[in-house]
Amino acid sequence: MDYKSSQDLCEKIAAKNNGQTMLAFSGGKDAVSAWVELRKYFHTIVPVYYYLIPELSFVEKTLAYYEDFFDTKIIRLPNPNLIRMLNAGVFQTPSTNVIIEKTGIPDVKREDLLEYVKQDRGLDTGMYVAIGNRMFDNLARYRTISKHGPVNHSLKTFYPTYDFKIDDVVASCKSAGVKLPVDYHIWGKSFDGLDYRFIRPLKDHFPDDYQKIKSFFPFIDLEIMRYEHL
C-alpha cells in the first residue's frame, strides 16, 4: 500500500489498529516527535524503552519526565544489545565471564519482547509498532524508506514521521511544549552505547551511574584507557 504522507500513514494504521499502537521510545528527538504526532491519531499509545543498563539515574529522570508529560507509563525492557554484550564477554573479567557462561542468558529479539508485552497487556498481537525513523535523518534511511516504504509488514512496524525533516521535528516538539532530555546537552543525541564518546562524558557528569555500568561491565575503564593512555 502506498502512502501520500505521514498523516496518511498514521490515519490508515490507526484504522487498522483500532486506534491503538505501541511506540519504541528511545528518548531521542525523533521518538519524542513521533509520540507527539501519534496522539493526533491514536487514543492508546503503549511506549516501551529498551535500557542498555537498568535504572541509570539520568535515564530514569528522563523517562519520568515523559511519563508525566504524556501521562503514560513507559514500559522498561532490556535492550537485546545488553544481553549480546554480556554473552560475548564484552568488558568482562575472567571470573565474571565464567559466571555469565554458566548462567546461560538466552539471546532475545526486540520482536519477541514486543510480542510478550502485547500478550501481557492484552493487546492485539497483530498491532503495528511505531518507530521514530525518518527518511531525511541520514542517507541509509533515505535509501531504505524510499525503497521499502514506511511500513515493515513482516516485523509489524511503521514510521509515523517518516517524511519529517529536522525543522518538522523541532516544530512538532515546540508546538507540544515538550523538552528534550539532558542527553542532548552532553552528547548531542540520546545515550545509546558504551563506547568512549558516551562513556567519558557519562563518567564526568554521572559518576554514580558510571559505577553502576561497571557492575555490569567491570572492565569498562579500558574503553577510556585505550583512548587516553595508550
C-alpha atoms as a PDB file:
ATOM      1  CA  MET A   1       0.000   0.000   0.000  1.00  0.00           C
ATOM      2  CA  ASP A   2       1.291   3.448  -0.901  1.00  0.00           C
ATOM      3  CA  TYR A   3       1.110   6.381   1.497  1.00  0.00           C
ATOM      4  CA  LYS A   4       0.947  10.018   0.467  1.00  0.00           C
ATOM      5  CA  SER A   5       2.383  11.374   3.710  1.00  0.00           C
ATOM      6  CA  SER A   6       2.968  10.652   7.383  1.00  0.00           C
ATOM      7  CA  GLN A   7      -0.561  11.835   8.064  1.00  0.00           C
ATOM      8  CA  ASP A   8      -1.991   9.406   5.527  1.00  0.00           C
ATOM      9  CA  LEU A   9       0.116   6.608   7.002  1.00  0.00           C
ATOM     10  CA  CYS A  10      -0.983   7.301  10.577  1.00  0.00           C
ATOM     11  CA  GLU A  11      -4.644   7.534   9.604  1.00  0.00           C
ATOM     12  CA  LYS A  12      -4.532   4.157   7.862  1.00  0.00           C
ATOM     13  CA  ILE A  13      -2.536   2.396  10.579  1.00  0.00           C
ATOM     14  CA  ALA A  14      -4.831   3.865  13.244  1.00  0.00           C
ATOM     15  CA  ALA A  15      -7.836   2.466  11.388  1.00  0.00           C
ATOM     16  CA  LYS A  16      -6.114  -0.912  11.061  1.00  0.00           C
ATOM     17  CA  ASN A  17      -5.066  -0.959  14.739  1.00  0.00           C
ATOM     18  CA  ASN A  18      -8.402   0.354  16.063  1.00  0.00           C
ATOM     19  CA  GLY A  19      -6.715   3.476  17.418  1.00  0.00           C
ATOM     20  CA  GLN A  20      -4.090   1.576  19.411  1.00  0.00           C
ATOM     21  CA  THR A  21      -0.349   1.324  18.897  1.00  0.00           C
ATOM     22  CA  MET A  22       2.943   0.731  20.643  1.00  0.00           C
ATOM     23  CA  LEU A  23       5.929   3.059  20.375  1.00  0.00           C
ATOM     24  CA  ALA A  24       9.592   2.091  20.539  1.00  0.00           C
ATOM     25  CA  PHE A  25      10.707   5.092  22.601  1.00  0.00           C
ATOM     26  CA  SER A  26      14.415   5.949  22.813  1.00  0.00           C
ATOM     27  CA  GLY A  27      14.007   9.370  24.410  1.00  0.00           C
ATOM     28  CA  GLY A  28      15.595  10.962  21.345  1.00  0.00           C
ATOM     29  CA  LYS A  29      14.138  13.876  19.415  1.00  0.00           C
ATOM     30  CA  ASP A  30      12.638  11.694  16.682  1.00  0.00           C
ATOM     31  CA  ALA A  31      10.956   9.409  19.204  1.00  0.00           C
ATOM     32  CA  VAL A  32       9.575  12.399  21.123  1.00  0.00           C
ATOM     33  CA  SER A  33       8.239  13.968  17.935  1.00  0.00           C
ATOM     34  CA  ALA A  34       6.722  10.636  16.890  1.00  0.00           C
ATOM     35  CA  TRP A  35       4.879  10.405  20.221  1.00  0.00           C
ATOM     36  CA  VAL A  36       3.553  13.936  19.809  1.00  0.00           C
ATOM     37  CA  GLU A  37       2.250  13.137  16.331  1.00  0.00           C
ATOM     38  CA  LEU A  38       0.809   9.740  17.252  1.00  0.00           C
ATOM     39  CA  ARG A  39      -1.503  11.391  19.772  1.00  0.00           C
ATOM     40  CA  LYS A  40      -3.363  13.005  16.882  1.00  0.00           C
ATOM     41  CA  TYR A  41      -4.428   9.624  15.504  1.00  0.00           C
ATOM     42  CA  PHE A  42      -4.274   7.017  18.288  1.00  0.00           C
ATOM     43  CA  HIS A  43      -6.246   7.052  21.531  1.00  0.00           C
ATOM     44  CA  THR A  44      -3.976   4.438  23.135  1.00  0.00           C
ATOM     45  CA  ILE A  45      -0.173   4.520  22.882  1.00  0.00           C
ATOM     46  CA  VAL A  46       1.947   1.978  24.760  1.00  0.00           C
ATOM     47  CA  PRO A  47       5.588   3.181  24.837  1.00  0.00           C
ATOM     48  CA  VAL A  48       8.498   0.841  25.506  1.00  0.00           C
ATOM     49  CA  TYR A  49      12.074   1.803  26.331  1.00  0.00           C
ATOM     50  CA  TYR A  50      14.998  -0.577  25.803  1.00  0.00           C
ATOM     51  CA  TYR A  51      17.542   0.042  28.558  1.00  0.00           C
ATOM     52  CA  LEU A  52      21.206  -0.649  27.903  1.00  0.00           C
ATOM     53  CA  ILE A  53      21.848  -0.584  31.659  1.00  0.00           C
ATOM     54  CA  PRO A  54      18.857  -0.762  34.034  1.00  0.00           C
ATOM     55  CA  GLU A  55      17.911   2.195  36.220  1.00  0.00           C
ATOM     56  CA  LEU A  56      20.585   4.719  35.322  1.00  0.00           C
ATOM     57  CA  SER A  57      19.606   7.854  37.240  1.00  0.00           C
ATOM     58  CA  PHE A  58      19.663  10.288  34.316  1.00  0.00           C
ATOM     59  CA  VAL A  59      17.682   7.867  32.150  1.00  0.00           C
ATOM     60  CA  GLU A  60      15.064   7.330  34.844  1.00  0.00           C
ATOM     61  CA  LYS A  61      14.763  11.097  35.291  1.00  0.00           C
ATOM     62  CA  THR A  62      14.180  11.446  31.547  1.00  0.00           C
ATOM     63  CA  LEU A  63      11.578   8.685  31.449  1.00  0.00           C
ATOM     64  CA  ALA A  64       9.803  10.128  34.489  1.00  0.00           C
ATOM     65  CA  TYR A  65       9.559  13.492  32.718  1.00  0.00           C
ATOM     66  CA  TYR A  66       7.967  11.975  29.622  1.00  0.00           C
ATOM     67  CA  GLU A  67       5.662   9.787  31.689  1.00  0.00           C
ATOM     68  CA  ASP A  68       4.427  12.935  33.399  1.00  0.00           C
ATOM     69  CA  PHE A  69       4.229  14.975  30.188  1.00  0.00           C
ATOM     70  CA  PHE A  70       2.347  12.353  28.194  1.00  0.00           C
ATOM     71  CA  ASP A  71       0.512  10.958  31.242  1.00  0.00           C
ATOM     72  CA  THR A  72       1.523   7.451  30.201  1.00  0.00           C
ATOM     73  CA  LYS A  73       3.644   4.769  31.848  1.00  0.00           C
ATOM     74  CA  ILE A  74       6.723   3.774  29.836  1.00  0.00           C
ATOM     75  CA  ILE A  75       7.496   0.060  29.885  1.00  0.00           C
ATOM     76  CA  ARG A  76      11.164  -0.738  30.513  1.00  0.00           C
ATOM     77  CA  LEU A  77      12.625  -3.673  28.586  1.00  0.00           C
ATOM     78  CA  PRO A  78      16.208  -4.975  28.367  1.00  0.00           C
ATOM     79  CA  ASN A  79      17.976  -3.952  25.204  1.00  0.00           C
ATOM     80  CA  PRO A  80      18.944  -7.116  23.278  1.00  0.00           C
ATOM     81  CA  ASN A  81      22.374  -5.500  22.825  1.00  0.00           C
ATOM     82  CA  LEU A  82      22.898  -5.690  26.597  1.00  0.00           C
ATOM     83  CA  ILE A  83      22.402  -9.442  26.548  1.00  0.00           C
ATOM     84  CA  ARG A  84      24.548  -9.879  23.453  1.00  0.00           C
ATOM     85  CA  MET A  85      27.416  -7.904  25.010  1.00  0.00           C
ATOM     86  CA  LEU A  86      27.252  -9.885  28.240  1.00  0.00           C
ATOM     87  CA  ASN A  87      27.236 -13.193  26.384  1.00  0.00           C
ATOM     88  CA  ALA A  88      30.139 -12.019  24.209  1.00  0.00           C
ATOM     89  CA  GLY A  89      32.239 -11.208  27.281  1.00  0.00           C
ATOM     90  CA  VAL A  90      32.496  -7.507  26.462  1.00  0.00           C
ATOM     91  CA  PHE A  91      34.431  -5.665  29.215  1.00  0.00           C
ATOM     92  CA  GLN A  92      34.209  -8.735  31.475  1.00  0.00           C
ATOM     93  CA  THR A  93      36.819 -10.124  33.841  1.00  0.00           C
ATOM     94  CA  PRO A  94      37.727 -13.812  33.501  1.00  0.00           C
ATOM     95  CA  SER A  95      35.692 -14.623  36.621  1.00  0.00           C
ATOM     96  CA  THR A  96      32.554 -12.701  35.617  1.00  0.00           C
ATOM     97  CA  ASN A  97      32.744 -14.193  32.136  1.00  0.00           C
ATOM     98  CA  VAL A  98      32.667 -17.693  33.648  1.00  0.00           C
ATOM     99  CA  ILE A  99      29.591 -16.780  35.687  1.00  0.00           C
ATOM    100  CA  ILE A 100      27.811 -15.402  32.621  1.00  0.00           C
ATOM    101  CA  GLU A 101      28.626 -18.516  30.600  1.00  0.00           C
ATOM    102  CA  LYS A 102      27.319 -20.768  33.377  1.00  0.00           C
ATOM    103  CA  THR A 103      24.157 -18.684  33.696  1.00  0.00           C
ATOM    104  CA  GLY A 104      23.353 -19.163  30.018  1.00  0.00           C
ATOM    105  CA  ILE A 105      21.423 -15.948  29.389  1.00  0.00           C
ATOM    106  CA  PRO A 106      19.323 -16.543  26.258  1.00  0.00           C
ATOM    107  CA  ASP A 107      19.543 -14.029  23.436  1.00  0.00           C
ATOM    108  CA  VAL A 108      16.287 -12.240  22.667  1.00  0.00           C
ATOM    109  CA  LYS A 109      14.961 -10.205  19.771  1.00  0.00           C
ATOM    110  CA  ARG A 110      13.046  -6.956  20.043  1.00  0.00           C
ATOM    111  CA  GLU A 111      10.144  -8.568  18.212  1.00  0.00           C
ATOM    112  CA  ASP A 112       9.931 -11.259  20.900  1.00  0.00           C
ATOM    113  CA  LEU A 113       9.910  -8.671  23.681  1.00  0.00           C
ATOM    114  CA  LEU A 114       7.191  -6.682  21.935  1.00  0.00           C
ATOM    115  CA  GLU A 115       5.064  -9.795  21.468  1.00  0.00           C
ATOM    116  CA  TYR A 116       5.421 -10.509  25.184  1.00  0.00           C
ATOM    117  CA  VAL A 117       4.218  -7.000  26.038  1.00  0.00           C
ATOM    118  CA  LYS A 118       1.260  -7.352  23.670  1.00  0.00           C
ATOM    119  CA  GLN A 119       0.206 -10.596  25.316  1.00  0.00           C
ATOM    120  CA  ASP A 120       0.835  -9.280  28.828  1.00  0.00           C
ATOM    121  CA  ARG A 121      -1.249  -6.147  28.189  1.00  0.00           C
ATOM    122  CA  GLY A 122      -3.977  -7.948  26.282  1.00  0.00           C
ATOM    123  CA  LEU A 123      -3.171  -6.056  23.084  1.00  0.00           C
ATOM    124  CA  ASP A 124      -3.845  -7.290  19.583  1.00  0.00           C
ATOM    125  CA  THR A 125      -0.839  -9.392  18.554  1.00  0.00           C
ATOM    126  CA  GLY A 126      -1.284  -8.054  15.027  1.00  0.00           C
ATOM    127  CA  MET A 127      -0.775  -4.482  16.218  1.00  0.00           C
ATOM    128  CA  TYR A 128       1.884  -2.478  14.371  1.00  0.00           C
ATOM    129  CA  VAL A 129       4.601  -0.787  16.451  1.00  0.00           C
ATOM    130  CA  ALA A 130       5.669   2.813  15.779  1.00  0.00           C
ATOM    131  CA  ILE A 131       9.352   3.719  15.405  1.00  0.00           C
ATOM    132  CA  GLY A 132      10.572   7.317  15.003  1.00  0.00           C
ATOM    133  CA  ASN A 133      12.788   6.700  11.974  1.00  0.00           C
ATOM    134  CA  ARG A 134      12.873   9.462   9.346  1.00  0.00           C
ATOM    135  CA  MET A 135      13.988   9.156   5.741  1.00  0.00           C
ATOM    136  CA  PHE A 136      15.767  12.527   5.913  1.00  0.00           C
ATOM    137  CA  ASP A 137      17.794  11.583   9.006  1.00  0.00           C
ATOM    138  CA  ASN A 138      20.636  10.044   7.007  1.00  0.00           C
ATOM    139  CA  LEU A 139      21.394   8.592   3.595  1.00  0.00           C
ATOM    140  CA  ALA A 140      20.975   4.963   4.669  1.00  0.00           C
ATOM    141  CA  ARG A 141      17.474   5.562   6.000  1.00  0.00           C
ATOM    142  CA  TYR A 142      16.573   7.619   2.955  1.00  0.00           C
ATOM    143  CA  ARG A 143      17.505   4.732   0.702  1.00  0.00           C
ATOM    144  CA  THR A 144      15.744   2.141   2.852  1.00  0.00           C
ATOM    145  CA  ILE A 145      12.475   4.024   3.255  1.00  0.00           C
ATOM    146  CA  SER A 146      12.472   5.168  -0.366  1.00  0.00           C
ATOM    147  CA  LYS A 147      12.873   1.565  -1.497  1.00  0.00           C
ATOM    148  CA  HIS A 148      10.749  -0.327   1.020  1.00  0.00           C
ATOM    149  CA  GLY A 149       8.339   2.312   2.287  1.00  0.00           C
ATOM    150  CA  PRO A 150       7.453   3.409   5.836  1.00  0.00           C
ATOM    151  CA  VAL A 151       5.899   0.074   6.872  1.00  0.00           C
ATOM    152  CA  ASN A 152       7.544  -3.281   7.536  1.00  0.00           C
ATOM    153  CA  HIS A 153       4.725  -5.801   7.415  1.00  0.00           C
ATOM    154  CA  SER A 154       6.885  -8.776   8.396  1.00  0.00           C
ATOM    155  CA  LEU A 155       8.063  -7.044  11.597  1.00  0.00           C
ATOM    156  CA  LYS A 156       4.756  -5.172  12.068  1.00  0.00           C
ATOM    157  CA  THR A 157       6.428  -1.778  12.407  1.00  0.00           C
ATOM    158  CA  PHE A 158       5.812   1.644  10.877  1.00  0.00           C
ATOM    159  CA  TYR A 159       7.428   5.072  10.841  1.00  0.00           C
ATOM    160  CA  PRO A 160       4.775   7.675  11.773  1.00  0.00           C
ATOM    161  CA  THR A 161       7.012  10.656  10.929  1.00  0.00           C
ATOM    162  CA  TYR A 162       8.919   9.087   8.056  1.00  0.00           C
ATOM    163  CA  ASP A 163       8.757  12.182   5.828  1.00  0.00           C
ATOM    164  CA  PHE A 164       9.590  14.727   8.561  1.00  0.00           C
ATOM    165  CA  LYS A 165      12.616  16.940   8.087  1.00  0.00           C
ATOM    166  CA  ILE A 166      14.510  18.253  11.096  1.00  0.00           C
ATOM    167  CA  ASP A 167      12.533  21.501  11.013  1.00  0.00           C
ATOM    168  CA  ASP A 168       9.325  19.470  11.251  1.00  0.00           C
ATOM    169  CA  VAL A 169      10.674  17.596  14.263  1.00  0.00           C
ATOM    170  CA  VAL A 170      11.603  20.842  16.003  1.00  0.00           C
ATOM    171  CA  ALA A 171       8.236  22.411  15.189  1.00  0.00           C
ATOM    172  CA  SER A 172       6.395  19.336  16.451  1.00  0.00           C
ATOM    173  CA  CYS A 173       8.198  19.358  19.794  1.00  0.00           C
ATOM    174  CA  LYS A 174       7.877  23.127  20.209  1.00  0.00           C
ATOM    175  CA  SER A 175       4.168  23.120  19.432  1.00  0.00           C
ATOM    176  CA  ALA A 176       3.613  20.499  22.115  1.00  0.00           C
ATOM    177  CA  GLY A 177       5.852  22.305  24.608  1.00  0.00           C
ATOM    178  CA  VAL A 178       7.901  19.172  25.256  1.00  0.00           C
ATOM    179  CA  LYS A 179      11.592  19.287  26.160  1.00  0.00           C
ATOM    180  CA  LEU A 180      14.457  17.092  25.020  1.00  0.00           C
ATOM    181  CA  PRO A 181      16.459  15.096  27.601  1.00  0.00           C
ATOM    182  CA  VAL A 182      19.763  16.071  29.194  1.00  0.00           C
ATOM    183  CA  ASP A 183      21.451  13.698  26.734  1.00  0.00           C
ATOM    184  CA  TYR A 184      21.391  16.429  24.089  1.00  0.00           C
ATOM    185  CA  HIS A 185      23.323  18.841  26.299  1.00  0.00           C
ATOM    186  CA  ILE A 186      26.006  16.212  26.900  1.00  0.00           C
ATOM    187  CA  TRP A 187      26.191  14.111  23.725  1.00  0.00           C
ATOM    188  CA  GLY A 188      24.053  15.961  21.199  1.00  0.00           C
ATOM    189  CA  LYS A 189      21.883  12.846  20.882  1.00  0.00           C
ATOM    190  CA  SER A 190      20.265  10.214  23.068  1.00  0.00           C
ATOM    191  CA  PHE A 191      22.522   7.877  25.057  1.00  0.00           C
ATOM    192  CA  ASP A 192      22.788   4.526  23.280  1.00  0.00           C
ATOM    193  CA  GLY A 193      26.223   2.971  23.612  1.00  0.00           C
ATOM    194  CA  LEU A 194      29.229   2.093  25.766  1.00  0.00           C
ATOM    195  CA  ASP A 195      31.963   3.415  23.502  1.00  0.00           C
ATOM    196  CA  TYR A 196      34.278   6.261  24.504  1.00  0.00           C
ATOM    197  CA  ARG A 197      32.156   9.107  23.116  1.00  0.00           C
ATOM    198  CA  PHE A 198      29.391   8.118  25.569  1.00  0.00           C
ATOM    199  CA  ILE A 199      31.358   6.706  28.489  1.00  0.00           C
ATOM    200  CA  ARG A 200      33.844   9.539  29.081  1.00  0.00           C
ATOM    201  CA  PRO A 201      31.171  12.274  29.424  1.00  0.00           C
ATOM    202  CA  LEU A 202      28.947   9.930  31.418  1.00  0.00           C
ATOM    203  CA  LYS A 203      31.722   9.285  33.927  1.00  0.00           C
ATOM    204  CA  ASP A 204      32.261  13.040  34.290  1.00  0.00           C
ATOM    205  CA  HIS A 205      28.589  14.001  34.642  1.00  0.00           C
ATOM    206  CA  PHE A 206      27.098  10.930  36.348  1.00  0.00           C
ATOM    207  CA  PRO A 207      29.802   9.134  38.377  1.00  0.00           C
ATOM    208  CA  ASP A 208      27.279   7.018  40.285  1.00  0.00           C
ATOM    209  CA  ASP A 209      25.775   5.796  37.025  1.00  0.00           C
ATOM    210  CA  TYR A 210      29.260   5.013  35.778  1.00  0.00           C
ATOM    211  CA  GLN A 211      29.766   2.776  38.797  1.00  0.00           C
ATOM    212  CA  LYS A 212      26.502   1.031  38.005  1.00  0.00           C
ATOM    213  CA  ILE A 213      27.758   0.388  34.481  1.00  0.00           C
ATOM    214  CA  LYS A 214      30.947  -1.072  35.993  1.00  0.00           C
ATOM    215  CA  SER A 215      28.829  -3.528  37.963  1.00  0.00           C
ATOM    216  CA  PHE A 216      27.693  -4.966  34.615  1.00  0.00           C
ATOM    217  CA  PHE A 217      30.918  -4.364  32.683  1.00  0.00           C
ATOM    218  CA  PRO A 218      33.784  -4.372  35.227  1.00  0.00           C
ATOM    219  CA  PHE A 219      36.485  -3.640  32.635  1.00  0.00           C
ATOM    220  CA  ILE A 220      34.672  -0.629  31.138  1.00  0.00           C
ATOM    221  CA  ASP A 221      37.605   1.560  32.278  1.00  0.00           C
ATOM    222  CA  LEU A 222      39.605   0.009  29.446  1.00  0.00           C
ATOM    223  CA  GLU A 223      37.445   1.855  26.918  1.00  0.00           C
ATOM    224  CA  ILE A 224      38.640   5.151  28.385  1.00  0.00           C
ATOM    225  CA  MET A 225      42.225   3.986  28.829  1.00  0.00           C
ATOM    226  CA  ARG A 226      42.664   2.965  25.214  1.00  0.00           C
ATOM    227  CA  TYR A 227      41.807   6.499  24.094  1.00  0.00           C
ATOM    228  CA  GLU A 228      43.546   8.471  26.826  1.00  0.00           C
ATOM    229  CA  HIS A 229      46.534   6.388  27.914  1.00  0.00           C
ATOM    230  CA  LEU A 230      47.560   4.155  25.026  1.00  0.00           C
END
